[in-house]
Amino acid sequence: MHHALIMLAAGIGIPILAALNARLGANIGAPAAAATVLFAVAFTCSAVVASVTGLGGFARLAGQPPHLFLAGALIAFYVLSITWIAPVFGVGNAVLFVLLGQMISSALIDQFGLFGARATGVSPLRLLGLATMALGLVLTQLGRDG
């Protein structure tokens, strides 16, 4: 249960991150600078946690497949895009499409066991659940201005 609560907290943080960084980018007139500051703060926080939990993993980085480092580019893409897009598209709309993308990619990763994940077939019932969630996400955005 604690894993679910941690991930719930992470999910709660995504729209907050989007709103805060979008506002910072708009306030300073430079979304890329706002994203850079976000990464500097994130790096500092990660470095503190790594120093407390142990630095041994850094020694094993050199032997890892290069494609695993794509995650850094993907988070940079997310932060840069949400910082630029949210002020003009709206945080709710931006996060809606982020969540839809997450649902699609997570189902594909599970279905095919991509990137070393445990393969868990996407059954018709799970597809119905994903479609219901997608519809729910869309419904949360319809008519919100009127």
C-alpha atoms as a PDB file:
ATOM      1  CA  MET A   1       0.000   0.000   0.000  1.00  0.00           C
ATOM      2  CA  HIS A   2       2.865   2.417   0.711  1.00  0.00           C
ATOM      3  CA  HIS A   3       4.012   2.107  -2.923  1.00  0.00           C
ATOM      4  CA  ALA A   4       0.574   3.208  -4.086  1.00  0.00           C
ATOM      5  CA  LEU A   5       0.607   6.193  -1.725  1.00  0.00           C
ATOM      6  CA  ILE A   6       4.044   7.289  -2.893  1.00  0.00           C
ATOM      7  CA  MET A   7       2.941   7.085  -6.533  1.00  0.00           C
ATOM      8  CA  LEU A   8      -0.295   8.915  -5.709  1.00  0.00           C
ATOM      9  CA  ALA A   9       1.789  11.708  -4.200  1.00  0.00           C
ATOM     10  CA  ALA A  10       3.999  11.742  -7.304  1.00  0.00           C
ATOM     11  CA  GLY A  11       0.892  11.983  -9.474  1.00  0.00           C
ATOM     12  CA  ILE A  12      -0.448  14.843  -7.380  1.00  0.00           C
ATOM     13  CA  GLY A  13       2.861  16.592  -7.875  1.00  0.00           C
ATOM     14  CA  ILE A  14       2.805  16.488 -11.695  1.00  0.00           C
ATOM     15  CA  PRO A  15       0.114  19.157 -12.223  1.00  0.00           C
ATOM     16  CA  ILE A  16       1.624  21.220  -9.390  1.00  0.00           C
ATOM     17  CA  LEU A  17       5.031  20.996 -11.092  1.00  0.00           C
ATOM     18  CA  ALA A  18       3.406  22.006 -14.384  1.00  0.00           C
ATOM     19  CA  ALA A  19       1.605  25.006 -12.900  1.00  0.00           C
ATOM     20  CA  LEU A  20       4.573  26.240 -10.867  1.00  0.00           C
ATOM     21  CA  ASN A  21       7.149  25.914 -13.623  1.00  0.00           C
ATOM     22  CA  ALA A  22       4.801  27.324 -16.261  1.00  0.00           C
ATOM     23  CA  ARG A  23       4.224  30.366 -14.023  1.00  0.00           C
ATOM     24  CA  LEU A  24       7.955  30.758 -13.382  1.00  0.00           C
ATOM     25  CA  GLY A  25       8.654  30.552 -17.117  1.00  0.00           C
ATOM     26  CA  ALA A  26       5.923  33.108 -17.871  1.00  0.00           C
ATOM     27  CA  ASN A  27       7.063  35.427 -15.066  1.00  0.00           C
ATOM     28  CA  ILE A  28      10.655  35.527 -16.265  1.00  0.00           C
ATOM     29  CA  GLY A  29       9.755  35.325 -19.969  1.00  0.00           C
ATOM     30  CA  ALA A  30      12.041  32.344 -20.518  1.00  0.00           C
ATOM     31  CA  PRO A  31      10.544  28.846 -20.238  1.00  0.00           C
ATOM     32  CA  ALA A  32      13.902  27.183 -20.972  1.00  0.00           C
ATOM     33  CA  ALA A  33      15.534  29.107 -18.120  1.00  0.00           C
ATOM     34  CA  ALA A  34      12.704  28.054 -15.792  1.00  0.00           C
ATOM     35  CA  ALA A  35      13.217  24.431 -16.836  1.00  0.00           C
ATOM     36  CA  THR A  36      16.958  24.744 -16.225  1.00  0.00           C
ATOM     37  CA  VAL A  37      16.317  26.050 -12.706  1.00  0.00           C
ATOM     38  CA  LEU A  38      13.892  23.178 -12.099  1.00  0.00           C
ATOM     39  CA  PHE A  39      16.588  20.680 -13.132  1.00  0.00           C
ATOM     40  CA  ALA A  40      19.163  22.379 -10.897  1.00  0.00           C
ATOM     41  CA  VAL A  41      16.813  22.071  -7.907  1.00  0.00           C
ATOM     42  CA  ALA A  42      15.939  18.470  -8.876  1.00  0.00           C
ATOM     43  CA  PHE A  43      19.643  17.603  -9.257  1.00  0.00           C
ATOM     44  CA  THR A  44      20.382  19.024  -5.814  1.00  0.00           C
ATOM     45  CA  CYS A  45      17.534  17.054  -4.231  1.00  0.00           C
ATOM     46  CA  SER A  46      18.590  13.847  -6.014  1.00  0.00           C
ATOM     47  CA  ALA A  47      22.220  14.359  -5.006  1.00  0.00           C
ATOM     48  CA  VAL A  48      21.224  14.733  -1.359  1.00  0.00           C
ATOM     49  CA  VAL A  49      19.117  11.552  -1.458  1.00  0.00           C
ATOM     50  CA  ALA A  50      21.907   9.666  -3.284  1.00  0.00           C
ATOM     51  CA  SER A  51      24.469  10.755  -0.711  1.00  0.00           C
ATOM     52  CA  VAL A  52      22.227   9.559   2.118  1.00  0.00           C
ATOM     53  CA  THR A  53      21.266   6.241   0.501  1.00  0.00           C
ATOM     54  CA  GLY A  54      24.683   5.394  -0.932  1.00  0.00           C
ATOM     55  CA  LEU A  55      26.749   6.404  -3.933  1.00  0.00           C
ATOM     56  CA  GLY A  56      27.754   2.886  -5.065  1.00  0.00           C
ATOM     57  CA  GLY A  57      25.445   2.927  -8.078  1.00  0.00           C
ATOM     58  CA  PHE A  58      27.493   5.638  -9.784  1.00  0.00           C
ATOM     59  CA  ALA A  59      30.406   3.214 -10.154  1.00  0.00           C
ATOM     60  CA  ARG A  60      28.220   0.849 -12.212  1.00  0.00           C
ATOM     61  CA  LEU A  61      26.891   3.470 -14.650  1.00  0.00           C
ATOM     62  CA  ALA A  62      29.616   2.950 -17.239  1.00  0.00           C
ATOM     63  CA  GLY A  63      28.462  -0.606 -17.969  1.00  0.00           C
ATOM     64  CA  GLN A  64      24.848   0.268 -18.668  1.00  0.00           C
ATOM     65  CA  PRO A  65      23.273   0.204 -22.148  1.00  0.00           C
ATOM     66  CA  PRO A  66      23.193   3.703 -23.656  1.00  0.00           C
ATOM     67  CA  HIS A  67      19.443   3.597 -24.365  1.00  0.00           C
ATOM     68  CA  LEU A  68      18.727   3.597 -20.621  1.00  0.00           C
ATOM     69  CA  PHE A  69      19.965   7.191 -20.451  1.00  0.00           C
ATOM     70  CA  LEU A  70      17.149   8.276 -22.769  1.00  0.00           C
ATOM     71  CA  ALA A  71      15.046   8.746 -19.629  1.00  0.00           C
ATOM     72  CA  GLY A  72      16.923  11.983 -18.935  1.00  0.00           C
ATOM     73  CA  ALA A  73      16.056  13.323 -22.379  1.00  0.00           C
ATOM     74  CA  LEU A  74      12.411  12.294 -21.911  1.00  0.00           C
ATOM     75  CA  ILE A  75      12.087  14.140 -18.608  1.00  0.00           C
ATOM     76  CA  ALA A  76      13.743  17.189 -20.165  1.00  0.00           C
ATOM     77  CA  PHE A  77      11.228  17.019 -23.027  1.00  0.00           C
ATOM     78  CA  TYR A  78       8.346  16.770 -20.545  1.00  0.00           C
ATOM     79  CA  VAL A  79       9.514  19.676 -18.404  1.00  0.00           C
ATOM     80  CA  LEU A  80      10.337  21.910 -21.362  1.00  0.00           C
ATOM     81  CA  SER A  81       7.067  21.141 -23.150  1.00  0.00           C
ATOM     82  CA  ILE A  82       4.843  21.564 -20.076  1.00  0.00           C
ATOM     83  CA  THR A  83       6.616  24.821 -19.180  1.00  0.00           C
ATOM     84  CA  TRP A  84       6.026  26.228 -22.671  1.00  0.00           C
ATOM     85  CA  ILE A  85       2.571  24.767 -23.361  1.00  0.00           C
ATOM     86  CA  ALA A  86       0.697  24.980 -20.042  1.00  0.00           C
ATOM     87  CA  PRO A  87       0.470  28.798 -19.937  1.00  0.00           C
ATOM     88  CA  VAL A  88      -1.250  28.916 -23.337  1.00  0.00           C
ATOM     89  CA  PHE A  89      -3.070  25.549 -23.399  1.00  0.00           C
ATOM     90  CA  GLY A  90      -3.968  25.395 -19.702  1.00  0.00           C
ATOM     91  CA  VAL A  91      -2.543  23.132 -17.013  1.00  0.00           C
ATOM     92  CA  GLY A  92      -5.615  20.877 -17.086  1.00  0.00           C
ATOM     93  CA  ASN A  93      -5.470  20.371 -20.850  1.00  0.00           C
ATOM     94  CA  ALA A  94      -1.706  19.841 -20.817  1.00  0.00           C
ATOM     95  CA  VAL A  95      -1.879  17.274 -18.016  1.00  0.00           C
ATOM     96  CA  LEU A  96      -4.864  15.582 -19.687  1.00  0.00           C
ATOM     97  CA  PHE A  97      -2.757  14.795 -22.740  1.00  0.00           C
ATOM     98  CA  VAL A  98       0.227  13.822 -20.590  1.00  0.00           C
ATOM     99  CA  LEU A  99      -1.998  11.331 -18.733  1.00  0.00           C
ATOM    100  CA  LEU A 100      -3.425   9.942 -21.973  1.00  0.00           C
ATOM    101  CA  GLY A 101       0.123   9.472 -23.248  1.00  0.00           C
ATOM    102  CA  GLN A 102       1.121   7.770 -20.005  1.00  0.00           C
ATOM    103  CA  MET A 103      -1.833   5.388 -20.240  1.00  0.00           C
ATOM    104  CA  ILE A 104      -0.998   4.442 -23.829  1.00  0.00           C
ATOM    105  CA  SER A 105       2.723   3.963 -23.258  1.00  0.00           C
ATOM    106  CA  SER A 106       2.287   2.081 -19.974  1.00  0.00           C
ATOM    107  CA  ALA A 107      -0.161  -0.340 -21.615  1.00  0.00           C
ATOM    108  CA  LEU A 108       2.328  -0.955 -24.446  1.00  0.00           C
ATOM    109  CA  ILE A 109       5.223  -1.410 -22.013  1.00  0.00           C
ATOM    110  CA  ASP A 110       3.163  -3.892 -19.977  1.00  0.00           C
ATOM    111  CA  GLN A 111       1.815  -5.736 -23.029  1.00  0.00           C
ATOM    112  CA  PHE A 112       5.220  -6.334 -24.580  1.00  0.00           C
ATOM    113  CA  GLY A 113       7.459  -6.276 -21.493  1.00  0.00           C
ATOM    114  CA  LEU A 114       9.456  -3.420 -22.990  1.00  0.00           C
ATOM    115  CA  PHE A 115      12.647  -2.113 -21.356  1.00  0.00           C
ATOM    116  CA  GLY A 116      12.882  -5.127 -19.068  1.00  0.00           C
ATOM    117  CA  ALA A 117       9.447  -4.603 -17.486  1.00  0.00           C
ATOM    118  CA  ARG A 118       7.435  -7.654 -16.494  1.00  0.00           C
ATOM    119  CA  ALA A 119       5.064  -8.491 -19.361  1.00  0.00           C
ATOM    120  CA  THR A 120       1.433  -8.313 -18.296  1.00  0.00           C
ATOM    121  CA  GLY A 121      -1.006  -8.782 -21.111  1.00  0.00           C
ATOM    122  CA  VAL A 122      -3.519  -6.063 -21.828  1.00  0.00           C
ATOM    123  CA  SER A 123      -6.792  -7.968 -21.632  1.00  0.00           C
ATOM    124  CA  PRO A 124     -10.069  -6.755 -23.116  1.00  0.00           C
ATOM    125  CA  LEU A 125     -11.216  -5.817 -19.605  1.00  0.00           C
ATOM    126  CA  ARG A 126      -8.066  -3.762 -19.075  1.00  0.00           C
ATOM    127  CA  LEU A 127      -8.578  -2.074 -22.448  1.00  0.00           C
ATOM    128  CA  LEU A 128     -12.115  -1.188 -21.351  1.00  0.00           C
ATOM    129  CA  GLY A 129     -10.697   0.253 -18.141  1.00  0.00           C
ATOM    130  CA  LEU A 130      -8.141   2.301 -20.062  1.00  0.00           C
ATOM    131  CA  ALA A 131     -10.849   3.582 -22.410  1.00  0.00           C
ATOM    132  CA  THR A 132     -13.039   4.471 -19.408  1.00  0.00           C
ATOM    133  CA  MET A 133     -10.156   6.341 -17.798  1.00  0.00           C
ATOM    134  CA  ALA A 134      -9.449   8.187 -21.058  1.00  0.00           C
ATOM    135  CA  LEU A 135     -13.116   9.156 -21.345  1.00  0.00           C
ATOM    136  CA  GLY A 136     -13.064  10.327 -17.732  1.00  0.00           C
ATOM    137  CA  LEU A 137     -10.022  12.483 -18.395  1.00  0.00           C
ATOM    138  CA  VAL A 138     -11.682  14.064 -21.410  1.00  0.00           C
ATOM    139  CA  LEU A 139     -14.925  14.641 -19.481  1.00  0.00           C
ATOM    140  CA  THR A 140     -13.026  16.479 -16.732  1.00  0.00           C
ATOM    141  CA  GLN A 141     -11.969  19.076 -19.297  1.00  0.00           C
ATOM    142  CA  LEU A 142     -15.254  19.500 -21.186  1.00  0.00           C
ATOM    143  CA  GLY A 143     -17.245  22.546 -20.265  1.00  0.00           C
ATOM    144  CA  ARG A 144     -14.805  23.718 -17.605  1.00  0.00           C
ATOM    145  CA  ASP A 145     -14.978  27.298 -18.884  1.00  0.00           C
ATOM    146  CA  GLY A 146     -18.738  27.550 -18.969  1.00  0.00           C
END
